[in-house]
Amino acid sequence: MFGGNAIEELVQASHSLMSAADLLAAALIKKLDPPKDYISMYQAGREYGRRWIKNHIDAGHLTSHRTGPSRNSKIVLSREEILALRTVEAKVVSGIKEKYKRGPKRLNQD
C-alpha cells in the first residue's frame, strides 16, 4: 500500500509532532508553574544521561542553578531547556545523517 519511503516520512513526521508537543507542554509548565519546570541534576542525569547533561553544562548549552546558598544545595536544571536542546540536537543529527546518506550503488552502464 505505502512504499518504504512514505512510511519513513510518516514516522519522521509523527516524531516531529510528538517532540513539538513535548516542547509545548514543557513551555506551558514553565509559564504556569515555574518551580515544576525544574528538575534536579541527579534526576536529569538519570533521565537523559549524566555525561550528556554534564557535557552540555560545561559547553554552556544548559544552565544550572543552586536552590540555596550553601555548597551542598541541590542543583536544578530547566526541563524545558533540556527538551529544547535534545530536539535541536536530534534535528542536527538527522540532517547530518541525511546529508551523508548513501543510496544504492549504481553500476556503470558503459
C-alpha atoms as a PDB file:
ATOM      1  CA  MET A   1       0.000   0.000   0.000  1.00  0.00           C
ATOM      2  CA  PHE A   2       2.679   2.504   1.071  1.00  0.00           C
ATOM      3  CA  GLY A   3       6.230   2.492  -0.187  1.00  0.00           C
ATOM      4  CA  GLY A   4       9.078   2.207   2.308  1.00  0.00           C
ATOM      5  CA  ASN A   5       9.992   5.852   1.821  1.00  0.00           C
ATOM      6  CA  ALA A   6       6.425   7.080   2.538  1.00  0.00           C
ATOM      7  CA  ILE A   7       6.269   5.103   5.776  1.00  0.00           C
ATOM      8  CA  GLU A   8       9.628   6.512   6.845  1.00  0.00           C
ATOM      9  CA  GLU A   9       8.366  10.043   6.159  1.00  0.00           C
ATOM     10  CA  LEU A  10       5.204   9.381   8.202  1.00  0.00           C
ATOM     11  CA  VAL A  11       7.268   8.086  11.114  1.00  0.00           C
ATOM     12  CA  GLN A  12       9.533  11.150  10.972  1.00  0.00           C
ATOM     13  CA  ALA A  13       6.511  13.456  10.864  1.00  0.00           C
ATOM     14  CA  SER A  14       4.942  11.744  13.875  1.00  0.00           C
ATOM     15  CA  HIS A  15       8.226  12.043  15.823  1.00  0.00           C
ATOM     16  CA  SER A  16       8.403  15.751  14.951  1.00  0.00           C
ATOM     17  CA  LEU A  17       4.828  16.298  16.142  1.00  0.00           C
ATOM     18  CA  MET A  18       5.469  14.442  19.399  1.00  0.00           C
ATOM     19  CA  SER A  19       8.628  16.426  20.121  1.00  0.00           C
ATOM     20  CA  ALA A  20       6.790  19.687  19.344  1.00  0.00           C
ATOM     21  CA  ALA A  21       4.000  18.663  21.722  1.00  0.00           C
ATOM     22  CA  ASP A  22       6.559  17.832  24.442  1.00  0.00           C
ATOM     23  CA  LEU A  23       8.217  21.230  23.988  1.00  0.00           C
ATOM     24  CA  LEU A  24       4.862  22.998  24.132  1.00  0.00           C
ATOM     25  CA  ALA A  25       3.883  21.138  27.307  1.00  0.00           C
ATOM     26  CA  ALA A  26       7.234  21.999  28.936  1.00  0.00           C
ATOM     27  CA  ALA A  27       6.849  25.666  27.963  1.00  0.00           C
ATOM     28  CA  LEU A  28       3.337  25.751  29.446  1.00  0.00           C
ATOM     29  CA  ILE A  29       4.520  24.182  32.684  1.00  0.00           C
ATOM     30  CA  LYS A  30       7.346  26.718  32.901  1.00  0.00           C
ATOM     31  CA  LYS A  31       4.922  29.597  32.277  1.00  0.00           C
ATOM     32  CA  LEU A  32       2.119  28.442  34.607  1.00  0.00           C
ATOM     33  CA  ASP A  33       4.117  26.903  37.445  1.00  0.00           C
ATOM     34  CA  PRO A  34       7.868  27.652  37.159  1.00  0.00           C
ATOM     35  CA  PRO A  35       9.013  25.518  40.138  1.00  0.00           C
ATOM     36  CA  LYS A  36       7.591  22.397  38.484  1.00  0.00           C
ATOM     37  CA  ASP A  37       9.780  23.023  35.444  1.00  0.00           C
ATOM     38  CA  TYR A  38      12.959  22.462  37.452  1.00  0.00           C
ATOM     39  CA  ILE A  39      14.494  19.047  37.740  1.00  0.00           C
ATOM     40  CA  SER A  40      17.396  18.097  39.999  1.00  0.00           C
ATOM     41  CA  MET A  41      20.788  17.379  38.484  1.00  0.00           C
ATOM     42  CA  TYR A  42      20.532  13.811  39.794  1.00  0.00           C
ATOM     43  CA  GLN A  43      17.123  13.228  38.183  1.00  0.00           C
ATOM     44  CA  ALA A  44      18.227  14.865  34.918  1.00  0.00           C
ATOM     45  CA  GLY A  45      21.232  12.553  34.839  1.00  0.00           C
ATOM     46  CA  ARG A  46      19.018   9.529  35.342  1.00  0.00           C
ATOM     47  CA  GLU A  47      16.545  10.564  32.630  1.00  0.00           C
ATOM     48  CA  TYR A  48      18.871  11.975  29.981  1.00  0.00           C
ATOM     49  CA  GLY A  49      22.294  10.571  30.822  1.00  0.00           C
ATOM     50  CA  ARG A  50      24.702  12.023  33.362  1.00  0.00           C
ATOM     51  CA  ARG A  51      27.531  12.528  30.893  1.00  0.00           C
ATOM     52  CA  TRP A  52      25.241  14.194  28.304  1.00  0.00           C
ATOM     53  CA  ILE A  53      23.951  16.660  30.910  1.00  0.00           C
ATOM     54  CA  LYS A  54      27.449  17.395  32.252  1.00  0.00           C
ATOM     55  CA  ASN A  55      28.909  17.917  28.769  1.00  0.00           C
ATOM     56  CA  HIS A  56      26.194  20.414  27.823  1.00  0.00           C
ATOM     57  CA  ILE A  57      26.511  22.326  31.098  1.00  0.00           C
ATOM     58  CA  ASP A  58      30.288  22.542  30.561  1.00  0.00           C
ATOM     59  CA  ALA A  59      29.743  23.710  26.969  1.00  0.00           C
ATOM     60  CA  GLY A  60      27.288  26.385  28.143  1.00  0.00           C
ATOM     61  CA  HIS A  61      24.265  24.910  26.354  1.00  0.00           C
ATOM     62  CA  LEU A  62      22.409  24.287  29.640  1.00  0.00           C
ATOM     63  CA  THR A  63      22.306  26.492  32.716  1.00  0.00           C
ATOM     64  CA  SER A  64      22.181  25.084  36.217  1.00  0.00           C
ATOM     65  CA  HIS A  65      21.197  26.864  39.434  1.00  0.00           C
ATOM     66  CA  ARG A  66      21.638  26.074  43.101  1.00  0.00           C
ATOM     67  CA  THR A  67      18.468  26.171  45.182  1.00  0.00           C
ATOM     68  CA  GLY A  68      20.265  27.676  48.174  1.00  0.00           C
ATOM     69  CA  PRO A  69      23.440  29.497  49.190  1.00  0.00           C
ATOM     70  CA  SER A  70      25.267  26.547  50.723  1.00  0.00           C
ATOM     71  CA  ARG A  71      27.692  24.331  48.874  1.00  0.00           C
ATOM     72  CA  ASN A  72      25.565  21.225  49.246  1.00  0.00           C
ATOM     73  CA  SER A  73      22.337  22.849  47.996  1.00  0.00           C
ATOM     74  CA  LYS A  74      20.511  20.989  45.253  1.00  0.00           C
ATOM     75  CA  ILE A  75      21.476  21.877  41.660  1.00  0.00           C
ATOM     76  CA  VAL A  76      18.479  22.227  39.340  1.00  0.00           C
ATOM     77  CA  LEU A  77      18.026  22.496  35.579  1.00  0.00           C
ATOM     78  CA  SER A  78      15.090  23.605  33.440  1.00  0.00           C
ATOM     79  CA  ARG A  79      13.262  20.676  31.886  1.00  0.00           C
ATOM     80  CA  GLU A  80      12.178  22.952  29.017  1.00  0.00           C
ATOM     81  CA  GLU A  81      15.812  23.827  28.270  1.00  0.00           C
ATOM     82  CA  ILE A  82      16.793  20.157  28.249  1.00  0.00           C
ATOM     83  CA  LEU A  83      13.935  19.170  25.913  1.00  0.00           C
ATOM     84  CA  ALA A  84      14.667  22.071  23.552  1.00  0.00           C
ATOM     85  CA  LEU A  85      18.347  21.118  23.402  1.00  0.00           C
ATOM     86  CA  ARG A  86      17.537  17.447  22.766  1.00  0.00           C
ATOM     87  CA  THR A  87      15.126  18.435  19.974  1.00  0.00           C
ATOM     88  CA  VAL A  88      17.687  20.684  18.293  1.00  0.00           C
ATOM     89  CA  GLU A  89      20.376  18.035  18.693  1.00  0.00           C
ATOM     90  CA  ALA A  90      18.113  15.403  17.113  1.00  0.00           C
ATOM     91  CA  LYS A  91      17.368  17.697  14.156  1.00  0.00           C
ATOM     92  CA  VAL A  92      21.076  18.384  13.605  1.00  0.00           C
ATOM     93  CA  VAL A  93      21.945  14.698  13.797  1.00  0.00           C
ATOM     94  CA  SER A  94      19.159  13.736  11.385  1.00  0.00           C
ATOM     95  CA  GLY A  95      20.338  16.476   8.985  1.00  0.00           C
ATOM     96  CA  ILE A  96      23.876  15.123   9.109  1.00  0.00           C
ATOM     97  CA  LYS A  97      22.639  11.568   8.565  1.00  0.00           C
ATOM     98  CA  GLU A  98      20.522  12.711   5.627  1.00  0.00           C
ATOM     99  CA  LYS A  99      23.446  14.629   4.114  1.00  0.00           C
ATOM    100  CA  TYR A 100      25.765  11.638   4.228  1.00  0.00           C
ATOM    101  CA  LYS A 101      23.146   9.010   3.492  1.00  0.00           C
ATOM    102  CA  ARG A 102      24.328   6.611   0.865  1.00  0.00           C
ATOM    103  CA  GLY A 103      21.956   5.398  -1.744  1.00  0.00           C
ATOM    104  CA  PRO A 104      22.124   2.073  -3.550  1.00  0.00           C
ATOM    105  CA  LYS A 105      25.261   1.500  -5.583  1.00  0.00           C
ATOM    106  CA  ARG A 106      24.816   2.075  -9.254  1.00  0.00           C
ATOM    107  CA  LEU A 107      26.585   0.034 -11.852  1.00  0.00           C
ATOM    108  CA  ASN A 108      28.185   1.767 -14.794  1.00  0.00           C
ATOM    109  CA  GLN A 109      26.101   1.311 -17.886  1.00  0.00           C
ATOM    110  CA  ASP A 110      29.129   1.736 -20.180  1.00  0.00           C
END
